[in-house]
Amino acid sequence: MTGRTWTLHIAAPAQLWSTNDSHNKGPRPTSANRKQWRKAGYDTAAFYRLPKHLRRVRYNITFHFTDRARRDALNYSETAKPVIDAFGPPFVQAPTAKRPNGASAPGWSLIPDDTPEYLESATLAIGPLWPTVLAGLPAADRRRLVSPHGGMTVVITDLSPADLFTPAAPAPSAALACDRIGQAFTDAAVFRIALEEIRDLDPATPAGRLATEVLAGKHHPNHNHMKEVAHV
């Protein structure tokens, strides 16, 4: 497996919702809360520019409240589930008699589904108070993540095979990586090729020379570079 990890901080868009809340407050407030958390999960995936179509992952989810009341982490699966769903594929429902306009919900497609084939596990825990978490972050993040409801930390571990980051297509070639490296080098995502792999390209090859120049800041790559590396 690749062992890559991403640590995401999500400011609570609404109350952290428990199974007790669902039972006591009914379906309409519960549905509204889930919708807000799913959007927050999707927006966070977009903000961190997560990859897509990974083979398998693990989620470690930590809830951060604003007070020290006694709580059971598993009781807050109602909050975790819409975020997990947001990392999966988009939801689209065809029109029905009950819903003539159909229904939809955003999905980032980090993994194709949250079945055991793609999601190894998702752990839930309660961590430090949200203000304590924010205090350890850069000022820009502190401003972005302010919420009176608290927040959530999600650590995503990529369990995909080391040589295959996407299930839908063959691994991109070095030529493709170099052709589209403008975002990839700065993101350390390299269009699903790890930055370390690009650094390890043989500098004696056209792709390796181009990668070395881009990393050194000698020029900004563009699509014309494909001509240089087409025969790698």
C-alpha atoms as a PDB file:
ATOM      1  CA  MET A   1       0.000   0.000   0.000  1.00  0.00           C
ATOM      2  CA  THR A   2       1.085   3.593  -0.556  1.00  0.00           C
ATOM      3  CA  GLY A   3       0.724   4.707   3.067  1.00  0.00           C
ATOM      4  CA  ARG A   4      -0.085   8.270   2.003  1.00  0.00           C
ATOM      5  CA  THR A   5      -2.153  10.225   4.517  1.00  0.00           C
ATOM      6  CA  TRP A   6      -4.172  13.412   4.521  1.00  0.00           C
ATOM      7  CA  THR A   7      -5.298  15.261   7.644  1.00  0.00           C
ATOM      8  CA  LEU A   8      -8.456  17.288   7.096  1.00  0.00           C
ATOM      9  CA  HIS A   9      -9.986  19.816   9.472  1.00  0.00           C
ATOM     10  CA  ILE A  10     -13.696  20.511   9.040  1.00  0.00           C
ATOM     11  CA  ALA A  11     -15.444  23.380  10.800  1.00  0.00           C
ATOM     12  CA  ALA A  12     -18.865  22.196  11.927  1.00  0.00           C
ATOM     13  CA  PRO A  13     -21.472  23.769   9.612  1.00  0.00           C
ATOM     14  CA  ALA A  14     -24.159  22.813  12.124  1.00  0.00           C
ATOM     15  CA  GLN A  15     -24.519  20.947  15.391  1.00  0.00           C
ATOM     16  CA  LEU A  16     -22.597  17.687  15.715  1.00  0.00           C
ATOM     17  CA  TRP A  17     -25.570  15.350  15.459  1.00  0.00           C
ATOM     18  CA  SER A  18     -26.039  12.243  17.571  1.00  0.00           C
ATOM     19  CA  THR A  19     -28.369   9.277  17.274  1.00  0.00           C
ATOM     20  CA  ASN A  20     -30.216  10.749  20.255  1.00  0.00           C
ATOM     21  CA  ASP A  21     -30.741  13.955  18.285  1.00  0.00           C
ATOM     22  CA  SER A  22     -32.169  11.965  15.374  1.00  0.00           C
ATOM     23  CA  HIS A  23     -34.561  10.172  17.698  1.00  0.00           C
ATOM     24  CA  ASN A  24     -35.628  13.226  19.676  1.00  0.00           C
ATOM     25  CA  LYS A  25     -35.786  15.866  16.936  1.00  0.00           C
ATOM     26  CA  GLY A  26     -37.254  13.846  14.097  1.00  0.00           C
ATOM     27  CA  PRO A  27     -36.530  13.283  10.408  1.00  0.00           C
ATOM     28  CA  ARG A  28     -36.721  16.823   9.028  1.00  0.00           C
ATOM     29  CA  PRO A  29     -34.078  18.410  11.293  1.00  0.00           C
ATOM     30  CA  THR A  30     -31.961  15.274  10.920  1.00  0.00           C
ATOM     31  CA  SER A  31     -32.141  15.447   7.127  1.00  0.00           C
ATOM     32  CA  ALA A  32     -31.248  19.150   7.148  1.00  0.00           C
ATOM     33  CA  ASN A  33     -28.258  18.481   9.403  1.00  0.00           C
ATOM     34  CA  ARG A  34     -27.016  15.640   7.206  1.00  0.00           C
ATOM     35  CA  LYS A  35     -27.266  17.837   4.135  1.00  0.00           C
ATOM     36  CA  GLN A  36     -25.086  20.515   5.732  1.00  0.00           C
ATOM     37  CA  TRP A  37     -22.481  18.004   6.874  1.00  0.00           C
ATOM     38  CA  ARG A  38     -22.349  16.305   3.483  1.00  0.00           C
ATOM     39  CA  LYS A  39     -21.746  19.640   1.780  1.00  0.00           C
ATOM     40  CA  ALA A  40     -19.045  20.455   4.341  1.00  0.00           C
ATOM     41  CA  GLY A  41     -17.373  17.110   3.651  1.00  0.00           C
ATOM     42  CA  TYR A  42     -17.422  17.687  -0.100  1.00  0.00           C
ATOM     43  CA  ASP A  43     -16.177  21.271   0.193  1.00  0.00           C
ATOM     44  CA  THR A  44     -13.347  20.073   2.428  1.00  0.00           C
ATOM     45  CA  ALA A  45     -12.309  17.387  -0.071  1.00  0.00           C
ATOM     46  CA  ALA A  46     -12.240  20.066  -2.762  1.00  0.00           C
ATOM     47  CA  PHE A  47     -10.300  22.487  -0.556  1.00  0.00           C
ATOM     48  CA  TYR A  48      -7.610  19.895   0.175  1.00  0.00           C
ATOM     49  CA  ARG A  49      -7.702  18.753  -3.458  1.00  0.00           C
ATOM     50  CA  LEU A  50      -7.886  15.107  -2.555  1.00  0.00           C
ATOM     51  CA  PRO A  51      -7.242  12.549  -5.287  1.00  0.00           C
ATOM     52  CA  LYS A  52     -10.033  10.479  -6.773  1.00  0.00           C
ATOM     53  CA  HIS A  53     -10.734   6.806  -7.415  1.00  0.00           C
ATOM     54  CA  LEU A  54      -8.391   5.344  -4.824  1.00  0.00           C
ATOM     55  CA  ARG A  55      -8.478   1.572  -4.404  1.00  0.00           C
ATOM     56  CA  ARG A  56      -8.909   1.434  -0.635  1.00  0.00           C
ATOM     57  CA  VAL A  57      -8.718   3.804   2.328  1.00  0.00           C
ATOM     58  CA  ARG A  58      -9.109   4.048   6.077  1.00  0.00           C
ATOM     59  CA  TYR A  59     -10.788   6.925   7.928  1.00  0.00           C
ATOM     60  CA  ASN A  60      -9.944   8.009  11.468  1.00  0.00           C
ATOM     61  CA  ILE A  61     -12.540  10.560  12.513  1.00  0.00           C
ATOM     62  CA  THR A  62     -12.237  12.713  15.629  1.00  0.00           C
ATOM     63  CA  PHE A  63     -15.039  14.934  16.897  1.00  0.00           C
ATOM     64  CA  HIS A  64     -14.153  18.208  18.606  1.00  0.00           C
ATOM     65  CA  PHE A  65     -16.768  19.903  20.750  1.00  0.00           C
ATOM     66  CA  THR A  66     -16.750  23.302  22.450  1.00  0.00           C
ATOM     67  CA  ASP A  67     -17.504  22.001  25.952  1.00  0.00           C
ATOM     68  CA  ARG A  68     -16.512  19.032  28.092  1.00  0.00           C
ATOM     69  CA  ALA A  69     -19.919  17.377  28.482  1.00  0.00           C
ATOM     70  CA  ARG A  70     -19.849  13.579  28.653  1.00  0.00           C
ATOM     71  CA  ARG A  71     -20.391  12.018  25.246  1.00  0.00           C
ATOM     72  CA  ASP A  72     -20.093   8.678  23.468  1.00  0.00           C
ATOM     73  CA  ALA A  73     -18.148   8.889  20.195  1.00  0.00           C
ATOM     74  CA  LEU A  74     -20.126   6.099  18.534  1.00  0.00           C
ATOM     75  CA  ASN A  75     -23.293   8.060  19.196  1.00  0.00           C
ATOM     76  CA  TYR A  76     -22.061  10.629  16.674  1.00  0.00           C
ATOM     77  CA  SER A  77     -21.992   8.285  13.698  1.00  0.00           C
ATOM     78  CA  GLU A  78     -24.914  10.438  12.518  1.00  0.00           C
ATOM     79  CA  THR A  79     -22.379  13.214  11.921  1.00  0.00           C
ATOM     80  CA  ALA A  80     -19.644  11.017  10.476  1.00  0.00           C
ATOM     81  CA  LYS A  81     -21.836   9.239   7.920  1.00  0.00           C
ATOM     82  CA  PRO A  82     -22.698  12.217   5.682  1.00  0.00           C
ATOM     83  CA  VAL A  83     -19.027  13.240   5.625  1.00  0.00           C
ATOM     84  CA  ILE A  84     -18.005   9.716   4.625  1.00  0.00           C
ATOM     85  CA  ASP A  85     -20.727   9.762   1.977  1.00  0.00           C
ATOM     86  CA  ALA A  86     -19.367  13.072   0.670  1.00  0.00           C
ATOM     87  CA  PHE A  87     -15.987  11.443   0.061  1.00  0.00           C
ATOM     88  CA  GLY A  88     -17.687   8.764  -2.039  1.00  0.00           C
ATOM     89  CA  PRO A  89     -19.473   9.111  -5.383  1.00  0.00           C
ATOM     90  CA  PRO A  90     -22.238  11.651  -6.029  1.00  0.00           C
ATOM     91  CA  PHE A  91     -25.756  10.550  -5.186  1.00  0.00           C
ATOM     92  CA  VAL A  92     -28.375  10.925  -7.913  1.00  0.00           C
ATOM     93  CA  GLN A  93     -31.927   9.639  -7.635  1.00  0.00           C
ATOM     94  CA  ALA A  94     -34.298   9.560 -10.585  1.00  0.00           C
ATOM     95  CA  PRO A  95     -37.664  11.292 -10.209  1.00  0.00           C
ATOM     96  CA  THR A  96     -40.305   9.312  -8.348  1.00  0.00           C
ATOM     97  CA  ALA A  97     -43.917   9.891  -7.418  1.00  0.00           C
ATOM     98  CA  LYS A  98     -42.777  11.056  -3.992  1.00  0.00           C
ATOM     99  CA  ARG A  99     -39.919  13.145  -5.396  1.00  0.00           C
ATOM    100  CA  PRO A 100     -40.906  14.295  -8.890  1.00  0.00           C
ATOM    101  CA  ASN A 101     -37.721  16.359  -9.191  1.00  0.00           C
ATOM    102  CA  GLY A 102     -35.476  13.516  -8.104  1.00  0.00           C
ATOM    103  CA  ALA A 103     -32.715  14.040  -5.579  1.00  0.00           C
ATOM    104  CA  SER A 104     -28.964  14.534  -5.570  1.00  0.00           C
ATOM    105  CA  ALA A 105     -26.078  15.055  -3.175  1.00  0.00           C
ATOM    106  CA  PRO A 106     -22.430  15.920  -3.852  1.00  0.00           C
ATOM    107  CA  GLY A 107     -19.683  13.307  -3.814  1.00  0.00           C
ATOM    108  CA  TRP A 108     -15.932  13.707  -4.359  1.00  0.00           C
ATOM    109  CA  SER A 109     -15.316  10.102  -5.558  1.00  0.00           C
ATOM    110  CA  LEU A 110     -12.236   9.585  -3.413  1.00  0.00           C
ATOM    111  CA  ILE A 111     -13.345   5.940  -3.471  1.00  0.00           C
ATOM    112  CA  PRO A 112     -16.062   4.336  -5.627  1.00  0.00           C
ATOM    113  CA  ASP A 113     -18.164   3.253  -2.634  1.00  0.00           C
ATOM    114  CA  ASP A 114     -17.949   2.941   1.151  1.00  0.00           C
ATOM    115  CA  THR A 115     -18.299  -0.848   1.091  1.00  0.00           C
ATOM    116  CA  PRO A 116     -15.544  -2.987   2.709  1.00  0.00           C
ATOM    117  CA  GLU A 117     -13.942  -3.466  -0.699  1.00  0.00           C
ATOM    118  CA  TYR A 118     -12.943   0.202  -0.719  1.00  0.00           C
ATOM    119  CA  LEU A 119     -13.249   1.330   2.912  1.00  0.00           C
ATOM    120  CA  GLU A 120     -11.212  -0.803   5.290  1.00  0.00           C
ATOM    121  CA  SER A 121     -12.546   0.858   8.432  1.00  0.00           C
ATOM    122  CA  ALA A 122     -13.756   4.111   9.939  1.00  0.00           C
ATOM    123  CA  THR A 123     -12.961   4.806  13.574  1.00  0.00           C
ATOM    124  CA  LEU A 124     -14.735   7.419  15.685  1.00  0.00           C
ATOM    125  CA  ALA A 125     -13.212   9.233  18.655  1.00  0.00           C
ATOM    126  CA  ILE A 126     -13.676  12.377  20.710  1.00  0.00           C
ATOM    127  CA  GLY A 127     -10.617  14.601  20.884  1.00  0.00           C
ATOM    128  CA  PRO A 128      -9.551  17.966  22.299  1.00  0.00           C
ATOM    129  CA  LEU A 129     -11.928  20.906  22.317  1.00  0.00           C
ATOM    130  CA  TRP A 130     -12.181  22.684  18.980  1.00  0.00           C
ATOM    131  CA  PRO A 131     -10.576  25.924  20.252  1.00  0.00           C
ATOM    132  CA  THR A 132      -7.578  23.841  21.342  1.00  0.00           C
ATOM    133  CA  VAL A 133      -7.295  22.345  17.856  1.00  0.00           C
ATOM    134  CA  LEU A 134      -7.515  25.767  16.226  1.00  0.00           C
ATOM    135  CA  ALA A 135      -4.836  27.171  18.514  1.00  0.00           C
ATOM    136  CA  GLY A 136      -2.298  24.821  16.951  1.00  0.00           C
ATOM    137  CA  LEU A 137      -3.090  25.797  13.358  1.00  0.00           C
ATOM    138  CA  PRO A 138      -1.786  28.673  11.207  1.00  0.00           C
ATOM    139  CA  ALA A 139      -3.683  31.949  11.499  1.00  0.00           C
ATOM    140  CA  ALA A 140      -5.330  31.591   8.083  1.00  0.00           C
ATOM    141  CA  ASP A 141      -6.697  28.176   9.012  1.00  0.00           C
ATOM    142  CA  ARG A 142      -7.904  29.441  12.372  1.00  0.00           C
ATOM    143  CA  ARG A 143      -9.943  32.126  10.642  1.00  0.00           C
ATOM    144  CA  ARG A 144     -11.300  29.691   8.060  1.00  0.00           C
ATOM    145  CA  LEU A 145     -12.312  27.059  10.597  1.00  0.00           C
ATOM    146  CA  VAL A 146     -14.057  29.159  13.242  1.00  0.00           C
ATOM    147  CA  SER A 147     -17.379  27.591  14.233  1.00  0.00           C
ATOM    148  CA  PRO A 148     -19.568  27.879  17.338  1.00  0.00           C
ATOM    149  CA  HIS A 149     -20.472  24.206  16.933  1.00  0.00           C
ATOM    150  CA  GLY A 150     -16.954  22.744  17.042  1.00  0.00           C
ATOM    151  CA  GLY A 151     -15.429  20.673  14.286  1.00  0.00           C
ATOM    152  CA  MET A 152     -14.016  17.415  13.040  1.00  0.00           C
ATOM    153  CA  THR A 153     -10.611  16.038  12.102  1.00  0.00           C
ATOM    154  CA  VAL A 154     -10.439  13.303   9.476  1.00  0.00           C
ATOM    155  CA  VAL A 155      -7.221  11.401   8.821  1.00  0.00           C
ATOM    156  CA  ILE A 156      -7.382   9.494   5.542  1.00  0.00           C
ATOM    157  CA  THR A 157      -4.888   6.694   4.942  1.00  0.00           C
ATOM    158  CA  ASP A 158      -4.448   5.423   1.398  1.00  0.00           C
ATOM    159  CA  LEU A 159      -4.331   1.628   1.404  1.00  0.00           C
ATOM    160  CA  SER A 160      -4.175   1.334  -2.380  1.00  0.00           C
ATOM    161  CA  PRO A 161      -1.511  -0.915  -3.912  1.00  0.00           C
ATOM    162  CA  ALA A 162       1.721   1.050  -4.177  1.00  0.00           C
ATOM    163  CA  ASP A 163       1.857   0.744  -7.961  1.00  0.00           C
ATOM    164  CA  LEU A 164      -1.801   1.445  -8.694  1.00  0.00           C
ATOM    165  CA  PHE A 165      -3.490   4.578  -7.411  1.00  0.00           C
ATOM    166  CA  THR A 166      -6.670   4.499  -9.493  1.00  0.00           C
ATOM    167  CA  PRO A 167      -9.029   1.661 -10.368  1.00  0.00           C
ATOM    168  CA  ALA A 168     -10.536   3.234 -13.457  1.00  0.00           C
ATOM    169  CA  ALA A 169      -7.476   3.690 -15.644  1.00  0.00           C
ATOM    170  CA  PRO A 170      -3.916   2.470 -16.056  1.00  0.00           C
ATOM    171  CA  ALA A 171      -1.284   4.299 -14.042  1.00  0.00           C
ATOM    172  CA  PRO A 172      -0.321   7.519 -15.894  1.00  0.00           C
ATOM    173  CA  SER A 173       2.981   7.462 -17.699  1.00  0.00           C
ATOM    174  CA  ALA A 174       5.920   9.676 -16.847  1.00  0.00           C
ATOM    175  CA  ALA A 175       5.179  11.547 -20.053  1.00  0.00           C
ATOM    176  CA  LEU A 176       1.636  12.333 -18.950  1.00  0.00           C
ATOM    177  CA  ALA A 177       2.824  13.337 -15.506  1.00  0.00           C
ATOM    178  CA  CYS A 178       5.360  15.757 -16.916  1.00  0.00           C
ATOM    179  CA  ASP A 179       2.899  17.115 -19.435  1.00  0.00           C
ATOM    180  CA  ARG A 180       0.490  18.060 -16.648  1.00  0.00           C
ATOM    181  CA  ILE A 181       2.930  18.759 -13.889  1.00  0.00           C
ATOM    182  CA  GLY A 182       1.973  22.405 -13.367  1.00  0.00           C
ATOM    183  CA  GLN A 183      -0.533  21.550 -10.649  1.00  0.00           C
ATOM    184  CA  ALA A 184       0.967  18.238  -9.724  1.00  0.00           C
ATOM    185  CA  PHE A 185       4.368  19.431  -8.542  1.00  0.00           C
ATOM    186  CA  THR A 186       2.891  22.153  -6.388  1.00  0.00           C
ATOM    187  CA  ASP A 187       0.238  19.832  -4.987  1.00  0.00           C
ATOM    188  CA  ALA A 188       2.563  16.868  -4.450  1.00  0.00           C
ATOM    189  CA  ALA A 189      -0.255  14.915  -6.069  1.00  0.00           C
ATOM    190  CA  VAL A 190       1.261  14.606  -9.547  1.00  0.00           C
ATOM    191  CA  PHE A 191      -1.971  13.461 -11.095  1.00  0.00           C
ATOM    192  CA  ARG A 192      -1.912  10.316  -8.977  1.00  0.00           C
ATOM    193  CA  ILE A 193       1.819   9.768  -9.364  1.00  0.00           C
ATOM    194  CA  ALA A 194       3.615  10.391  -6.065  1.00  0.00           C
ATOM    195  CA  LEU A 195       5.986  13.363  -6.017  1.00  0.00           C
ATOM    196  CA  GLU A 196       8.761  11.065  -4.832  1.00  0.00           C
ATOM    197  CA  GLU A 197       8.395   9.042  -8.029  1.00  0.00           C
ATOM    198  CA  ILE A 198       8.822  12.153 -10.150  1.00  0.00           C
ATOM    199  CA  ARG A 199      11.918  13.134  -8.195  1.00  0.00           C
ATOM    200  CA  ASP A 200      13.295   9.664  -8.810  1.00  0.00           C
ATOM    201  CA  LEU A 201      12.943   9.850 -12.582  1.00  0.00           C
ATOM    202  CA  ASP A 202      16.208   9.117 -14.363  1.00  0.00           C
ATOM    203  CA  PRO A 203      17.636  12.555 -15.282  1.00  0.00           C
ATOM    204  CA  ALA A 204      19.201  10.953 -18.353  1.00  0.00           C
ATOM    205  CA  THR A 205      15.745  10.568 -19.908  1.00  0.00           C
ATOM    206  CA  PRO A 206      13.720  13.403 -21.453  1.00  0.00           C
ATOM    207  CA  ALA A 207      11.071  13.063 -18.757  1.00  0.00           C
ATOM    208  CA  GLY A 208      13.712  13.076 -16.044  1.00  0.00           C
ATOM    209  CA  ARG A 209      15.389  16.193 -17.431  1.00  0.00           C
ATOM    210  CA  LEU A 210      12.062  17.980 -17.644  1.00  0.00           C
ATOM    211  CA  ALA A 211      11.114  16.977 -14.115  1.00  0.00           C
ATOM    212  CA  THR A 212      14.480  18.181 -12.811  1.00  0.00           C
ATOM    213  CA  GLU A 213      14.057  21.550 -14.536  1.00  0.00           C
ATOM    214  CA  VAL A 214      10.529  22.050 -13.234  1.00  0.00           C
ATOM    215  CA  LEU A 215      11.488  21.108  -9.692  1.00  0.00           C
ATOM    216  CA  ALA A 216      14.395  23.535  -9.919  1.00  0.00           C
ATOM    217  CA  GLY A 217      12.027  26.276 -11.053  1.00  0.00           C
ATOM    218  CA  LYS A 218      13.785  26.850 -14.375  1.00  0.00           C
ATOM    219  CA  HIS A 219      10.525  27.030 -16.310  1.00  0.00           C
ATOM    220  CA  HIS A 220       6.817  26.424 -15.933  1.00  0.00           C
ATOM    221  CA  PRO A 221       5.602  23.325 -17.754  1.00  0.00           C
ATOM    222  CA  ASN A 222       2.807  23.348 -20.281  1.00  0.00           C
ATOM    223  CA  HIS A 223       1.162  21.001 -22.703  1.00  0.00           C
ATOM    224  CA  ASN A 224       3.911  21.537 -25.282  1.00  0.00           C
ATOM    225  CA  HIS A 225       6.178  19.518 -23.020  1.00  0.00           C
ATOM    226  CA  MET A 226       4.429  16.378 -24.148  1.00  0.00           C
ATOM    227  CA  LYS A 227       6.399  16.642 -27.369  1.00  0.00           C
ATOM    228  CA  GLU A 228       9.622  16.443 -25.368  1.00  0.00           C
ATOM    229  CA  VAL A 229       8.673  13.305 -23.511  1.00  0.00           C
ATOM    230  CA  ALA A 230       6.395  11.533 -25.971  1.00  0.00           C
ATOM    231  CA  HIS A 231       8.904   8.764 -26.472  1.00  0.00           C
ATOM    232  CA  VAL A 232       9.836   8.151 -22.820  1.00  0.00           C
END
